[in-house]
Protein backbone atom coordinates (compact mmCIF):
# COMPACT_ATOMS: atom_id res chain seq x y z
CA MET A 1 -1.66 1.66 8.04
CA TRP A 2 0.61 2.35 5.28
CA GLY A 3 4.56 1.73 4.58
CA ARG A 4 7.16 2.31 2.23
CA VAL A 5 8.25 -1.57 1.10
CA GLU A 6 10.79 -2.65 -0.76
CA PHE A 7 10.47 -4.86 -3.76
CA SER A 8 13.55 -6.93 -2.78
CA GLN A 9 11.79 -7.55 0.79
CA THR A 10 8.33 -8.83 -0.09
CA SER A 11 6.52 -10.77 -1.82
CA ILE A 12 3.13 -10.90 -2.95
CA SER A 13 1.06 -13.42 -4.11
CA TYR A 14 -2.17 -13.35 -5.88
CA GLY A 15 -3.96 -15.20 -9.00
CA GLU A 16 -4.54 -13.42 -12.54
CA HIS A 17 -8.07 -12.96 -11.69
CA ASP A 18 -8.02 -11.93 -8.09
CA ILE A 19 -6.83 -8.05 -8.37
CA ILE A 20 -8.10 -4.84 -9.96
CA ARG A 21 -5.53 -2.86 -11.45
CA TYR A 22 -6.30 0.77 -11.32
CA ILE A 23 -3.99 3.74 -13.69
CA HIS A 24 -4.80 7.23 -13.95
CA GLY A 25 -3.54 10.37 -15.06
CA ASP A 26 0.16 10.50 -15.82
CA LYS A 27 0.19 6.78 -15.37
CA THR A 28 3.03 6.90 -12.75
CA LEU A 29 0.78 4.81 -10.34
CA ALA A 30 -0.80 1.86 -10.17
CA PHE A 31 -2.97 0.73 -7.57
CA VAL A 32 -4.14 -2.53 -6.98
CA SER A 33 -7.05 -4.05 -5.19
CA CYS A 34 -8.70 -7.39 -4.22
CA SER A 35 -11.22 -7.98 -6.91
CA LYS A 36 -13.82 -9.55 -4.38
CA CYS A 37 -13.67 -7.34 -1.56
CA GLY A 38 -12.31 -3.79 -3.24
CA CYS A 39 -9.72 -3.36 -0.15
CA THR A 40 -6.67 -1.34 -2.08
CA THR A 41 -3.81 -3.88 -1.06
CA HIS A 42 -0.72 -2.10 -2.30
CA TRP A 43 0.58 0.84 -4.97
CA GLU A 44 3.47 0.37 -7.07
CA SER A 45 5.37 2.99 -9.43
CA LEU A 46 5.27 2.78 -12.59
CA SER A 47 8.04 5.17 -13.56
CA SER A 48 11.58 3.87 -14.95
CA ASP A 49 13.74 6.48 -12.66
CA ALA A 50 11.78 5.45 -9.77
CA ASP A 51 13.54 3.68 -6.91
CA GLN A 52 12.42 -0.08 -6.65
CA ALA A 53 9.66 0.32 -3.98
CA MET A 54 5.91 0.55 -3.45
CA LYS A 55 3.66 1.38 -0.46
CA LEU A 56 1.61 -1.38 1.28
CA ASN A 57 -1.59 -1.19 3.15
CA TYR A 58 -0.92 -3.15 6.46
CA ALA A 59 -4.08 -4.02 7.53
CA THR A 60 -4.21 -6.54 4.17
CA SER A 61 -0.85 -7.94 5.13
CA ASP A 62 0.70 -10.12 7.95
CA PHE A 63 4.06 -7.65 8.08
CA LYS A 64 4.60 -6.97 11.98
CA ILE A 65 5.50 -3.55 12.71
CA PRO A 66 9.03 -3.71 14.49
CA PRO A 67 8.41 -1.66 17.71
CA GLU A 68 11.30 0.71 16.65
CA ILE A 69 8.85 2.12 14.27
CA PRO A 70 7.26 5.06 15.90
CA VAL A 71 2.95 5.23 14.74
CA LYS A 72 1.25 8.36 14.89
CA LEU A 73 -2.88 7.55 14.39
CA PHE A 74 -4.70 10.29 13.15
CA ASP A 75 -8.27 10.43 13.25
CA GLY A 76 -9.23 11.21 9.13
CA ALA A 77 -12.53 10.66 9.55
CA GLU A 78 -13.74 13.67 11.89
CA SER A 79 -11.13 15.63 13.63
CA TRP A 80 -8.17 15.47 11.34
CA THR A 81 -6.10 15.17 14.37
CA TYR A 82 -3.14 13.03 15.73
CA LEU A 83 -4.57 11.01 18.04
CA ASP A 84 -1.66 10.12 20.21
C-alpha cells in the first residue's frame, strides 16, 4: 500500500550505500529502493515547484494506517478489479 506523506511528518533513515536512487525521463521523480533486496521504499519529487511530500510504500515502514482512512483492496495481478 502506498500513501502520501509530508516530509515534515516523517523521517527516513538509511546508510549512504543502502539505497539505489533511480531517476528517469524528465527527472521530476526519484524512486528510492533498497540496494540489498531491491524493494522500492518511496519516491520523492525532484521539482522545486512541487509540494514537500513523498509517496511511501507502507509495507516497508513501521507506519500504522489510522482506522479512519478507507482502504480499498485492488487485484492488480489477475482481475484488475477492487476486491471489496
